Amino acid sequence: MDVKLMPIILERSIQQTEAEFVLHIPVALPFFKDHFTSFPVVPAVAQLLWVKDFAETLYAVGNDCDLSHLKFTRPIVPETRLKLALRYVAMIKTVEFRFFDDQHTFSSGRMLYKHV
């Protein structure tokens, strides 16, 4: 994915099947220009693209997946600092994800890969 579309990675912790990133969501991301001008938020599709990009890079899962258990419970706004946790379950070809901070979960779900 184009780096201009990605959040800024402040910290990362990567294990064999789990990863956690501390992210900063800069106001300069192009998603904010057209997505609710009076109250800019990161679109759900952008969050899914970020997860997909990290998962493909870390776990070589390919790019063909189905989505499951998606929950978008709190908007992610410009200048937010948050974490992204990924967990890869190889037996069922699934990447579980959660965007969160110390007080809230912003979104979560699963990507079920067809070919790994």
PDB file of N, CA and C in Angstrom:
ATOM      1  N   MET A   1       0.843  -1.175   0.000  1.00  0.00           N
ATOM      2  CA  MET A   1       0.000   0.000   0.000  1.00  0.00           C
ATOM      3  C   MET A   1       0.888   1.237   0.000  1.00  0.00           C
ATOM      4  N   ASP A   2       0.409   2.255  -0.635  1.00  0.00           N
ATOM      5  CA  ASP A   2       1.120   3.535  -0.697  1.00  0.00           C
ATOM      6  C   ASP A   2       1.349   4.057   0.724  1.00  0.00           C
ATOM      7  N   VAL A   3       2.581   4.396   1.033  1.00  0.00           N
ATOM      8  CA  VAL A   3       2.939   4.846   2.381  1.00  0.00           C
ATOM      9  C   VAL A   3       2.148   6.094   2.791  1.00  0.00           C
ATOM     10  N   LYS A   4       1.710   6.900   1.839  1.00  0.00           N
ATOM     11  CA  LYS A   4       0.930   8.104   2.166  1.00  0.00           C
ATOM     12  C   LYS A   4      -0.450   7.759   2.712  1.00  0.00           C
ATOM     13  N   LEU A   5      -0.872   6.510   2.554  1.00  0.00           N
ATOM     14  CA  LEU A   5      -2.180   6.073   3.034  1.00  0.00           C
ATOM     15  C   LEU A   5      -2.103   5.354   4.376  1.00  0.00           C
ATOM     16  N   MET A   6      -0.894   5.155   4.874  1.00  0.00           N
ATOM     17  CA  MET A   6      -0.686   4.381   6.096  1.00  0.00           C
ATOM     18  C   MET A   6      -0.510   5.286   7.314  1.00  0.00           C
ATOM     19  N   PRO A   7      -0.876   4.770   8.486  1.00  0.00           N
ATOM     20  CA  PRO A   7      -0.575   5.507   9.716  1.00  0.00           C
ATOM     21  C   PRO A   7       0.935   5.463   9.972  1.00  0.00           C
ATOM     22  N   ILE A   8       1.376   6.295  10.883  1.00  0.00           N
ATOM     23  CA  ILE A   8       2.794   6.313  11.265  1.00  0.00           C
ATOM     24  C   ILE A   8       3.009   5.277  12.357  1.00  0.00           C
ATOM     25  N   ILE A   9       3.978   4.401  12.158  1.00  0.00           N
ATOM     26  CA  ILE A   9       4.304   3.383  13.163  1.00  0.00           C
ATOM     27  C   ILE A   9       5.286   3.988  14.152  1.00  0.00           C
ATOM     28  N   LEU A  10       4.855   4.111  15.403  1.00  0.00           N
ATOM     29  CA  LEU A  10       5.710   4.669  16.456  1.00  0.00           C
ATOM     30  C   LEU A  10       6.514   3.582  17.172  1.00  0.00           C
ATOM     31  N   GLU A  11       5.890   2.428  17.348  1.00  0.00           N
ATOM     32  CA  GLU A  11       6.542   1.289  18.011  1.00  0.00           C
ATOM     33  C   GLU A  11       5.981   0.016  17.401  1.00  0.00           C
ATOM     34  N   ARG A  12       6.761  -1.056  17.499  1.00  0.00           N
ATOM     35  CA  ARG A  12       6.268  -2.345  17.024  1.00  0.00           C
ATOM     36  C   ARG A  12       6.850  -3.465  17.863  1.00  0.00           C
ATOM     37  N   SER A  13       6.063  -4.489  18.050  1.00  0.00           N
ATOM     38  CA  SER A  13       6.493  -5.702  18.722  1.00  0.00           C
ATOM     39  C   SER A  13       5.959  -6.859  17.879  1.00  0.00           C
ATOM     40  N   ILE A  14       6.875  -7.648  17.312  1.00  0.00           N
ATOM     41  CA  ILE A  14       6.460  -8.689  16.388  1.00  0.00           C
ATOM     42  C   ILE A  14       6.982 -10.038  16.878  1.00  0.00           C
ATOM     43  N   GLN A  15       6.064 -10.954  17.080  1.00  0.00           N
ATOM     44  CA  GLN A  15       6.384 -12.334  17.438  1.00  0.00           C
ATOM     45  C   GLN A  15       5.988 -13.219  16.256  1.00  0.00           C
ATOM     46  N   GLN A  16       6.120 -14.518  16.404  1.00  0.00           N
ATOM     47  CA  GLN A  16       5.822 -15.422  15.299  1.00  0.00           C
ATOM     48  C   GLN A  16       4.358 -15.347  14.865  1.00  0.00           C
ATOM     49  N   THR A  17       3.437 -15.337  15.815  1.00  0.00           N
ATOM     50  CA  THR A  17       2.012 -15.344  15.457  1.00  0.00           C
ATOM     51  C   THR A  17       1.259 -14.126  15.989  1.00  0.00           C
ATOM     52  N   GLU A  18       1.944 -13.228  16.653  1.00  0.00           N
ATOM     53  CA  GLU A  18       1.286 -12.035  17.197  1.00  0.00           C
ATOM     54  C   GLU A  18       2.144 -10.809  16.938  1.00  0.00           C
ATOM     55  N   ALA A  19       1.464  -9.690  16.733  1.00  0.00           N
ATOM     56  CA  ALA A  19       2.174  -8.425  16.529  1.00  0.00           C
ATOM     57  C   ALA A  19       1.345  -7.313  17.149  1.00  0.00           C
ATOM     58  N   GLU A  20       2.042  -6.294  17.625  1.00  0.00           N
ATOM     59  CA  GLU A  20       1.362  -5.110  18.142  1.00  0.00           C
ATOM     60  C   GLU A  20       2.113  -3.879  17.660  1.00  0.00           C
ATOM     61  N   PHE A  21       1.360  -2.936  17.148  1.00  0.00           N
ATOM     62  CA  PHE A  21       1.912  -1.685  16.636  1.00  0.00           C
ATOM     63  C   PHE A  21       1.300  -0.527  17.402  1.00  0.00           C
ATOM     64  N   VAL A  22       2.111   0.449  17.758  1.00  0.00           N
ATOM     65  CA  VAL A  22       1.611   1.719  18.264  1.00  0.00           C
ATOM     66  C   VAL A  22       1.598   2.655  17.065  1.00  0.00           C
ATOM     67  N   LEU A  23       0.433   3.207  16.777  1.00  0.00           N
ATOM     68  CA  LEU A  23       0.241   4.000  15.569  1.00  0.00           C
ATOM     69  C   LEU A  23      -0.186   5.424  15.895  1.00  0.00           C
ATOM     70  N   HIS A  24       0.228   6.328  15.037  1.00  0.00           N
ATOM     71  CA  HIS A  24      -0.252   7.709  15.077  1.00  0.00           C
ATOM     72  C   HIS A  24      -1.019   7.929  13.778  1.00  0.00           C
ATOM     73  N   ILE A  25      -2.201   8.513  13.886  1.00  0.00           N
ATOM     74  CA  ILE A  25      -3.054   8.760  12.729  1.00  0.00           C
ATOM     75  C   ILE A  25      -2.929  10.240  12.368  1.00  0.00           C
ATOM     76  N   PRO A  26      -2.075  10.566  11.403  1.00  0.00           N
ATOM     77  CA  PRO A  26      -1.858  11.982  11.087  1.00  0.00           C
ATOM     78  C   PRO A  26      -3.044  12.603  10.349  1.00  0.00           C
ATOM     79  N   VAL A  27      -3.262  13.857  10.603  1.00  0.00           N
ATOM     80  CA  VAL A  27      -4.354  14.584   9.956  1.00  0.00           C
ATOM     81  C   VAL A  27      -4.138  14.680   8.451  1.00  0.00           C
ATOM     82  N   ALA A  28      -2.920  14.495   7.987  1.00  0.00           N
ATOM     83  CA  ALA A  28      -2.598  14.619   6.559  1.00  0.00           C
ATOM     84  C   ALA A  28      -3.046  13.415   5.729  1.00  0.00           C
ATOM     85  N   LEU A  29      -3.524  12.345   6.353  1.00  0.00           N
ATOM     86  CA  LEU A  29      -3.981  11.199   5.571  1.00  0.00           C
ATOM     87  C   LEU A  29      -5.094  11.631   4.627  1.00  0.00           C
ATOM     88  N   PRO A  30      -5.025  11.208   3.379  1.00  0.00           N
ATOM     89  CA  PRO A  30      -6.007  11.660   2.395  1.00  0.00           C
ATOM     90  C   PRO A  30      -7.440  11.223   2.703  1.00  0.00           C
ATOM     91  N   PHE A  31      -7.623  10.211   3.537  1.00  0.00           N
ATOM     92  CA  PHE A  31      -8.974   9.762   3.881  1.00  0.00           C
ATOM     93  C   PHE A  31      -9.793  10.868   4.535  1.00  0.00           C
ATOM     94  N   PHE A  32      -9.131  11.745   5.254  1.00  0.00           N
ATOM     95  CA  PHE A  32      -9.847  12.766   6.024  1.00  0.00           C
ATOM     96  C   PHE A  32     -10.437  13.868   5.147  1.00  0.00           C
ATOM     97  N   LYS A  33      -9.915  14.049   3.955  1.00  0.00           N
ATOM     98  CA  LYS A  33     -10.409  15.127   3.095  1.00  0.00           C
ATOM     99  C   LYS A  33     -11.877  14.950   2.711  1.00  0.00           C
ATOM    100  N   ASP A  34     -12.270  13.739   2.420  1.00  0.00           N
ATOM    101  CA  ASP A  34     -13.600  13.505   1.864  1.00  0.00           C
ATOM    102  C   ASP A  34     -14.532  12.706   2.765  1.00  0.00           C
ATOM    103  N   HIS A  35     -14.044  12.271   3.886  1.00  0.00           N
ATOM    104  CA  HIS A  35     -14.870  11.413   4.732  1.00  0.00           C
ATOM    105  C   HIS A  35     -15.388  12.221   5.926  1.00  0.00           C
ATOM    106  N   PHE A  36     -16.575  12.756   5.779  1.00  0.00           N
ATOM    107  CA  PHE A  36     -17.239  13.569   6.800  1.00  0.00           C
ATOM    108  C   PHE A  36     -16.434  14.837   7.104  1.00  0.00           C
ATOM    109  N   THR A  37     -16.564  15.806   6.275  1.00  0.00           N
ATOM    110  CA  THR A  37     -15.793  17.041   6.369  1.00  0.00           C
ATOM    111  C   THR A  37     -15.897  17.704   7.733  1.00  0.00           C
ATOM    112  N   SER A  38     -17.083  17.714   8.316  1.00  0.00           N
ATOM    113  CA  SER A  38     -17.251  18.388   9.603  1.00  0.00           C
ATOM    114  C   SER A  38     -16.785  17.529  10.789  1.00  0.00           C
ATOM    115  N   PHE A  39     -16.655  16.233  10.578  1.00  0.00           N
ATOM    116  CA  PHE A  39     -16.181  15.334  11.631  1.00  0.00           C
ATOM    117  C   PHE A  39     -15.371  14.218  10.971  1.00  0.00           C
ATOM    118  N   PRO A  40     -14.103  14.501  10.603  1.00  0.00           N
ATOM    119  CA  PRO A  40     -13.305  13.519   9.871  1.00  0.00           C
ATOM    120  C   PRO A  40     -13.006  12.272  10.700  1.00  0.00           C
ATOM    121  N   VAL A  41     -13.176  11.126  10.070  1.00  0.00           N
ATOM    122  CA  VAL A  41     -12.866   9.840  10.701  1.00  0.00           C
ATOM    123  C   VAL A  41     -12.169   8.952   9.676  1.00  0.00           C
ATOM    124  N   VAL A  42     -11.428   7.971  10.177  1.00  0.00           N
ATOM    125  CA  VAL A  42     -10.816   6.977   9.300  1.00  0.00           C
ATOM    126  C   VAL A  42     -11.927   6.028   8.847  1.00  0.00           C
ATOM    127  N   PRO A  43     -12.151   5.908   7.553  1.00  0.00           N
ATOM    128  CA  PRO A  43     -13.190   4.991   7.074  1.00  0.00           C
ATOM    129  C   PRO A  43     -12.873   3.541   7.446  1.00  0.00           C
ATOM    130  N   ALA A  44     -13.900   2.752   7.630  1.00  0.00           N
ATOM    131  CA  ALA A  44     -13.719   1.340   7.959  1.00  0.00           C
ATOM    132  C   ALA A  44     -12.878   0.638   6.899  1.00  0.00           C
ATOM    133  N   VAL A  45     -13.109   0.966   5.646  1.00  0.00           N
ATOM    134  CA  VAL A  45     -12.352   0.312   4.577  1.00  0.00           C
ATOM    135  C   VAL A  45     -10.854   0.618   4.689  1.00  0.00           C
ATOM    136  N   ALA A  46     -10.491   1.808   5.145  1.00  0.00           N
ATOM    137  CA  ALA A  46      -9.075   2.139   5.337  1.00  0.00           C
ATOM    138  C   ALA A  46      -8.478   1.292   6.467  1.00  0.00           C
ATOM    139  N   GLN A  47      -9.221   1.133   7.541  1.00  0.00           N
ATOM    140  CA  GLN A  47      -8.742   0.301   8.646  1.00  0.00           C
ATOM    141  C   GLN A  47      -8.502  -1.131   8.172  1.00  0.00           C
ATOM    142  N   LEU A  48      -9.423  -1.645   7.364  1.00  0.00           N
ATOM    143  CA  LEU A  48      -9.274  -3.003   6.845  1.00  0.00           C
ATOM    144  C   LEU A  48      -8.084  -3.111   5.899  1.00  0.00           C
ATOM    145  N   LEU A  49      -7.851  -2.090   5.098  1.00  0.00           N
ATOM    146  CA  LEU A  49      -6.682  -2.093   4.217  1.00  0.00           C
ATOM    147  C   LEU A  49      -5.379  -2.095   5.015  1.00  0.00           C
ATOM    148  N   TRP A  50      -5.350  -1.349   6.118  1.00  0.00           N
ATOM    149  CA  TRP A  50      -4.150  -1.345   6.973  1.00  0.00           C
ATOM    150  C   TRP A  50      -3.892  -2.741   7.532  1.00  0.00           C
ATOM    151  N   VAL A  51      -4.938  -3.356   8.075  1.00  0.00           N
ATOM    152  CA  VAL A  51      -4.788  -4.699   8.647  1.00  0.00           C
ATOM    153  C   VAL A  51      -4.309  -5.665   7.572  1.00  0.00           C
ATOM    154  N   LYS A  52      -4.932  -5.611   6.422  1.00  0.00           N
ATOM    155  CA  LYS A  52      -4.583  -6.499   5.313  1.00  0.00           C
ATOM    156  C   LYS A  52      -3.119  -6.310   4.905  1.00  0.00           C
ATOM    157  N   ASP A  53      -2.677  -5.073   4.830  1.00  0.00           N
ATOM    158  CA  ASP A  53      -1.304  -4.786   4.455  1.00  0.00           C
ATOM    159  C   ASP A  53      -0.318  -5.352   5.478  1.00  0.00           C
ATOM    160  N   PHE A  54      -0.583  -5.111   6.760  1.00  0.00           N
ATOM    161  CA  PHE A  54       0.295  -5.656   7.805  1.00  0.00           C
ATOM    162  C   PHE A  54       0.280  -7.186   7.777  1.00  0.00           C
ATOM    163  N   ALA A  55      -0.899  -7.790   7.631  1.00  0.00           N
ATOM    164  CA  ALA A  55      -1.014  -9.253   7.640  1.00  0.00           C
ATOM    165  C   ALA A  55      -0.266  -9.877   6.467  1.00  0.00           C
ATOM    166  N   GLU A  56      -0.407  -9.290   5.295  1.00  0.00           N
ATOM    167  CA  GLU A  56       0.284  -9.826   4.118  1.00  0.00           C
ATOM    168  C   GLU A  56       1.794  -9.743   4.289  1.00  0.00           C
ATOM    169  N   THR A  57       2.263  -8.664   4.875  1.00  0.00           N
ATOM    170  CA  THR A  57       3.698  -8.483   5.083  1.00  0.00           C
ATOM    171  C   THR A  57       4.236  -9.439   6.148  1.00  0.00           C
ATOM    172  N   LEU A  58       3.528  -9.573   7.255  1.00  0.00           N
ATOM    173  CA  LEU A  58       4.026 -10.371   8.378  1.00  0.00           C
ATOM    174  C   LEU A  58       3.836 -11.868   8.201  1.00  0.00           C
ATOM    175  N   TYR A  59       2.710 -12.263   7.633  1.00  0.00           N
ATOM    176  CA  TYR A  59       2.338 -13.682   7.648  1.00  0.00           C
ATOM    177  C   TYR A  59       2.243 -14.318   6.274  1.00  0.00           C
ATOM    178  N   ALA A  60       2.569 -13.597   5.204  1.00  0.00           N
ATOM    179  CA  ALA A  60       2.526 -14.124   3.838  1.00  0.00           C
ATOM    180  C   ALA A  60       1.215 -14.858   3.566  1.00  0.00           C
ATOM    181  N   VAL A  61       0.116 -14.208   3.884  1.00  0.00           N
ATOM    182  CA  VAL A  61      -1.201 -14.843   3.781  1.00  0.00           C
ATOM    183  C   VAL A  61      -1.859 -14.671   2.417  1.00  0.00           C
ATOM    184  N   GLY A  62      -1.241 -13.928   1.525  1.00  0.00           N
ATOM    185  CA  GLY A  62      -1.888 -13.669   0.245  1.00  0.00           C
ATOM    186  C   GLY A  62      -2.837 -12.497   0.380  1.00  0.00           C
ATOM    187  N   ASN A  63      -3.695 -12.320  -0.613  1.00  0.00           N
ATOM    188  CA  ASN A  63      -4.581 -11.156  -0.530  1.00  0.00           C
ATOM    189  C   ASN A  63      -6.053 -11.494  -0.704  1.00  0.00           C
ATOM    190  N   ASP A  64      -6.397 -12.753  -0.790  1.00  0.00           N
ATOM    191  CA  ASP A  64      -7.790 -13.161  -0.965  1.00  0.00           C
ATOM    192  C   ASP A  64      -8.358 -13.613   0.376  1.00  0.00           C
ATOM    193  N   CYS A  65      -9.256 -12.805   0.928  1.00  0.00           N
ATOM    194  CA  CYS A  65      -9.787 -13.145   2.242  1.00  0.00           C
ATOM    195  C   CYS A  65     -11.257 -12.767   2.357  1.00  0.00           C
ATOM    196  N   ASP A  66     -11.916 -13.395   3.309  1.00  0.00           N
ATOM    197  CA  ASP A  66     -13.270 -13.029   3.711  1.00  0.00           C
ATOM    198  C   ASP A  66     -13.172 -12.329   5.050  1.00  0.00           C
ATOM    199  N   LEU A  67     -14.179 -11.548   5.372  1.00  0.00           N
ATOM    200  CA  LEU A  67     -14.207 -10.814   6.638  1.00  0.00           C
ATOM    201  C   LEU A  67     -15.248 -11.416   7.556  1.00  0.00           C
ATOM    202  N   SER A  68     -14.954 -11.403   8.852  1.00  0.00           N
ATOM    203  CA  SER A  68     -15.852 -11.998   9.838  1.00  0.00           C
ATOM    204  C   SER A  68     -15.771 -11.223  11.146  1.00  0.00           C
ATOM    205  N   HIS A  69     -16.849 -11.223  11.891  1.00  0.00           N
ATOM    206  CA  HIS A  69     -16.891 -10.637  13.229  1.00  0.00           C
ATOM    207  C   HIS A  69     -16.448  -9.174  13.268  1.00  0.00           C
ATOM    208  N   LEU A  70     -16.758  -8.427  12.224  1.00  0.00           N
ATOM    209  CA  LEU A  70     -16.350  -7.018  12.172  1.00  0.00           C
ATOM    210  C   LEU A  70     -17.176  -6.176  13.126  1.00  0.00           C
ATOM    211  N   LYS A  71     -16.481  -5.339  13.876  1.00  0.00           N
ATOM    212  CA  LYS A  71     -17.134  -4.393  14.787  1.00  0.00           C
ATOM    213  C   LYS A  71     -16.382  -3.076  14.722  1.00  0.00           C
ATOM    214  N   PHE A  72     -17.090  -2.038  14.379  1.00  0.00           N
ATOM    215  CA  PHE A  72     -16.521  -0.687  14.374  1.00  0.00           C
ATOM    216  C   PHE A  72     -17.289   0.079  15.437  1.00  0.00           C
ATOM    217  N   THR A  73     -16.700   0.174  16.633  1.00  0.00           N
ATOM    218  CA  THR A  73     -17.439   0.647  17.801  1.00  0.00           C
ATOM    219  C   THR A  73     -17.148   2.082  18.196  1.00  0.00           C
ATOM    220  N   ARG A  74     -16.065   2.631  17.652  1.00  0.00           N
ATOM    221  CA  ARG A  74     -15.686   3.998  18.019  1.00  0.00           C
ATOM    222  C   ARG A  74     -14.905   4.605  16.857  1.00  0.00           C
ATOM    223  N   PRO A  75     -15.240   5.815  16.454  1.00  0.00           N
ATOM    224  CA  PRO A  75     -14.517   6.404  15.322  1.00  0.00           C
ATOM    225  C   PRO A  75     -13.057   6.714  15.658  1.00  0.00           C
ATOM    226  N   ILE A  76     -12.205   6.550  14.658  1.00  0.00           N
ATOM    227  CA  ILE A  76     -10.804   6.942  14.772  1.00  0.00           C
ATOM    228  C   ILE A  76     -10.674   8.294  14.078  1.00  0.00           C
ATOM    229  N   VAL A  77     -10.267   9.289  14.834  1.00  0.00           N
ATOM    230  CA  VAL A  77     -10.194  10.663  14.330  1.00  0.00           C
ATOM    231  C   VAL A  77      -8.730  11.067  14.131  1.00  0.00           C
ATOM    232  N   PRO A  78      -8.504  12.163  13.400  1.00  0.00           N
ATOM    233  CA  PRO A  78      -7.129  12.620  13.186  1.00  0.00           C
ATOM    234  C   PRO A  78      -6.384  12.856  14.501  1.00  0.00           C
ATOM    235  N   GLU A  79      -5.098  12.615  14.453  1.00  0.00           N
ATOM    236  CA  GLU A  79      -4.165  12.834  15.564  1.00  0.00           C
ATOM    237  C   GLU A  79      -4.371  11.866  16.725  1.00  0.00           C
ATOM    238  N   THR A  80      -5.043  10.764  16.471  1.00  0.00           N
ATOM    239  CA  THR A  80      -5.210   9.726  17.488  1.00  0.00           C
ATOM    240  C   THR A  80      -3.950   8.874  17.560  1.00  0.00           C
ATOM    241  N   ARG A  81      -3.609   8.486  18.774  1.00  0.00           N
ATOM    242  CA  ARG A  81      -2.542   7.505  19.000  1.00  0.00           C
ATOM    243  C   ARG A  81      -3.239   6.253  19.512  1.00  0.00           C
ATOM    244  N   LEU A  82      -3.002   5.134  18.863  1.00  0.00           N
ATOM    245  CA  LEU A  82      -3.668   3.892  19.245  1.00  0.00           C
ATOM    246  C   LEU A  82      -2.785   2.706  18.930  1.00  0.00           C
ATOM    247  N   LYS A  83      -3.278   1.533  19.264  1.00  0.00           N
ATOM    248  CA  LYS A  83      -2.529   0.303  19.009  1.00  0.00           C
ATOM    249  C   LYS A  83      -3.317  -0.569  18.039  1.00  0.00           C
ATOM    250  N   LEU A  84      -2.583  -1.349  17.279  1.00  0.00           N
ATOM    251  CA  LEU A  84      -3.168  -2.381  16.441  1.00  0.00           C
ATOM    252  C   LEU A  84      -2.548  -3.702  16.870  1.00  0.00           C
ATOM    253  N   ALA A  85      -3.389  -4.627  17.306  1.00  0.00           N
ATOM    254  CA  ALA A  85      -2.929  -5.967  17.671  1.00  0.00           C
ATOM    255  C   ALA A  85      -3.379  -6.939  16.591  1.00  0.00           C
ATOM    256  N   LEU A  86      -2.452  -7.788  16.161  1.00  0.00           N
ATOM    257  CA  LEU A  86      -2.745  -8.833  15.185  1.00  0.00           C
ATOM    258  C   LEU A  86      -2.400 -10.182  15.792  1.00  0.00           C
ATOM    259  N   ARG A  87      -3.209 -11.167  15.480  1.00  0.00           N
ATOM    260  CA  ARG A  87      -2.942 -12.534  15.913  1.00  0.00           C
ATOM    261  C   ARG A  87      -3.225 -13.462  14.740  1.00  0.00           C
ATOM    262  N   TYR A  88      -2.216 -14.225  14.334  1.00  0.00           N
ATOM    263  CA  TYR A  88      -2.355 -15.136  13.203  1.00  0.00           C
ATOM    264  C   TYR A  88      -2.590 -16.546  13.715  1.00  0.00           C
ATOM    265  N   VAL A  89      -3.687 -17.149  13.274  1.00  0.00           N
ATOM    266  CA  VAL A  89      -4.023 -18.522  13.641  1.00  0.00           C
ATOM    267  C   VAL A  89      -3.862 -19.366  12.379  1.00  0.00           C
ATOM    268  N   ALA A  90      -2.692 -19.964  12.223  1.00  0.00           N
ATOM    269  CA  ALA A  90      -2.346 -20.670  10.986  1.00  0.00           C
ATOM    270  C   ALA A  90      -3.275 -21.841  10.694  1.00  0.00           C
ATOM    271  N   MET A  91      -3.688 -22.557  11.723  1.00  0.00           N
ATOM    272  CA  MET A  91      -4.520 -23.745  11.527  1.00  0.00           C
ATOM    273  C   MET A  91      -5.817 -23.419  10.772  1.00  0.00           C
ATOM    274  N   ILE A  92      -6.358 -22.236  11.014  1.00  0.00           N
ATOM    275  CA  ILE A  92      -7.607 -21.858  10.339  1.00  0.00           C
ATOM    276  C   ILE A  92      -7.406 -20.670   9.389  1.00  0.00           C
ATOM    277  N   LYS A  93      -6.146 -20.352   9.096  1.00  0.00           N
ATOM    278  CA  LYS A  93      -5.784 -19.305   8.127  1.00  0.00           C
ATOM    279  C   LYS A  93      -6.493 -17.985   8.420  1.00  0.00           C
ATOM    280  N   THR A  94      -6.408 -17.555   9.651  1.00  0.00           N
ATOM    281  CA  THR A  94      -7.138 -16.369  10.093  1.00  0.00           C
ATOM    282  C   THR A  94      -6.207 -15.364  10.765  1.00  0.00           C
ATOM    283  N   VAL A  95      -6.444 -14.095  10.484  1.00  0.00           N
ATOM    284  CA  VAL A  95      -5.775 -13.009  11.197  1.00  0.00           C
ATOM    285  C   VAL A  95      -6.849 -12.253  11.972  1.00  0.00           C
ATOM    286  N   GLU A  96      -6.717 -12.243  13.283  1.00  0.00           N
ATOM    287  CA  GLU A  96      -7.616 -11.482  14.141  1.00  0.00           C
ATOM    288  C   GLU A  96      -6.967 -10.127  14.390  1.00  0.00           C
ATOM    289  N   PHE A  97      -7.787  -9.082  14.444  1.00  0.00           N
ATOM    290  CA  PHE A  97      -7.220  -7.751  14.660  1.00  0.00           C
ATOM    291  C   PHE A  97      -8.065  -6.955  15.633  1.00  0.00           C
ATOM    292  N   ARG A  98      -7.400  -5.965  16.232  1.00  0.00           N
ATOM    293  CA  ARG A  98      -8.093  -5.033  17.130  1.00  0.00           C
ATOM    294  C   ARG A  98      -7.334  -3.722  17.149  1.00  0.00           C
ATOM    295  N   PHE A  99      -8.035  -2.612  16.871  1.00  0.00           N
ATOM    296  CA  PHE A  99      -7.508  -1.260  17.059  1.00  0.00           C
ATOM    297  C   PHE A  99      -8.018  -0.796  18.419  1.00  0.00           C
ATOM    298  N   PHE A 100      -7.114  -0.319  19.294  1.00  0.00           N
ATOM    299  CA  PHE A 100      -7.526   0.029  20.653  1.00  0.00           C
ATOM    300  C   PHE A 100      -6.556   1.014  21.280  1.00  0.00           C
ATOM    301  N   ASP A 101      -6.984   1.608  22.388  1.00  0.00           N
ATOM    302  CA  ASP A 101      -6.085   2.366  23.253  1.00  0.00           C
ATOM    303  C   ASP A 101      -6.334   1.890  24.678  1.00  0.00           C
ATOM    304  N   ASP A 102      -5.833   2.621  25.662  1.00  0.00           N
ATOM    305  CA  ASP A 102      -5.965   2.173  27.051  1.00  0.00           C
ATOM    306  C   ASP A 102      -7.410   2.181  27.547  1.00  0.00           C
ATOM    307  N   GLN A 103      -8.287   2.914  26.874  1.00  0.00           N
ATOM    308  CA  GLN A 103      -9.659   3.047  27.349  1.00  0.00           C
ATOM    309  C   GLN A 103     -10.718   2.430  26.442  1.00  0.00           C
ATOM    310  N   HIS A 104     -10.424   2.288  25.146  1.00  0.00           N
ATOM    311  CA  HIS A 104     -11.463   1.886  24.208  1.00  0.00           C
ATOM    312  C   HIS A 104     -10.952   0.912  23.152  1.00  0.00           C
ATOM    313  N   THR A 105     -11.863   0.140  22.617  1.00  0.00           N
ATOM    314  CA  THR A 105     -11.626  -0.596  21.384  1.00  0.00           C
ATOM    315  C   THR A 105     -12.324   0.176  20.281  1.00  0.00           C
ATOM    316  N   PHE A 106     -11.584   0.484  19.226  1.00  0.00           N
ATOM    317  CA  PHE A 106     -12.147   1.236  18.108  1.00  0.00           C
ATOM    318  C   PHE A 106     -12.781   0.298  17.083  1.00  0.00           C
ATOM    319  N   SER A 107     -12.105  -0.801  16.807  1.00  0.00           N
ATOM    320  CA  SER A 107     -12.637  -1.776  15.860  1.00  0.00           C
ATOM    321  C   SER A 107     -11.925  -3.107  16.052  1.00  0.00           C
ATOM    322  N   SER A 108     -12.572  -4.159  15.552  1.00  0.00           N
ATOM    323  CA  SER A 108     -11.986  -5.489  15.655  1.00  0.00           C
ATOM    324  C   SER A 108     -12.638  -6.392  14.615  1.00  0.00           C
ATOM    325  N   GLY A 109     -12.023  -7.531  14.406  1.00  0.00           N
ATOM    326  CA  GLY A 109     -12.587  -8.483  13.463  1.00  0.00           C
ATOM    327  C   GLY A 109     -11.585  -9.549  13.080  1.00  0.00           C
ATOM    328  N   ARG A 110     -11.964 -10.299  12.042  1.00  0.00           N
ATOM    329  CA  ARG A 110     -11.128 -11.388  11.549  1.00  0.00           C
ATOM    330  C   ARG A 110     -11.072 -11.354  10.029  1.00  0.00           C
ATOM    331  N   MET A 111      -9.920 -11.712   9.518  1.00  0.00           N
ATOM    332  CA  MET A 111      -9.742 -11.911   8.079  1.00  0.00           C
ATOM    333  C   MET A 111      -9.430 -13.381   7.888  1.00  0.00           C
ATOM    334  N   LEU A 112     -10.276 -14.047   7.120  1.00  0.00           N
ATOM    335  CA  LEU A 112     -10.135 -15.483   6.874  1.00  0.00           C
ATOM    336  C   LEU A 112      -9.570 -15.673   5.464  1.00  0.00           C
ATOM    337  N   TYR A 113      -8.349 -16.158   5.399  1.00  0.00           N
ATOM    338  CA  TYR A 113      -7.647 -16.260   4.121  1.00  0.00           C
ATOM    339  C   TYR A 113      -7.945 -17.598   3.444  1.00  0.00           C
ATOM    340  N   LYS A 114      -8.121 -17.530   2.130  1.00  0.00           N
ATOM    341  CA  LYS A 114      -8.494 -18.702   1.361  1.00  0.00           C
ATOM    342  C   LYS A 114      -7.281 -19.528   0.931  1.00  0.00           C
ATOM    343  N   HIS A 115      -6.172 -18.848   0.671  1.00  0.00           N
ATOM    344  CA  HIS A 115      -4.961 -19.525   0.210  1.00  0.00           C
ATOM    345  C   HIS A 115      -3.779 -18.982   0.989  1.00  0.00           C
ATOM    346  N   VAL A 116      -3.118 -19.842   1.691  1.00  0.00           N
ATOM    347  CA  VAL A 116      -1.932 -19.431   2.442  1.00  0.00           C
ATOM    348  C   VAL A 116      -0.763 -20.261   1.985  1.00  0.00           C
TER     349      VAL A 116
END
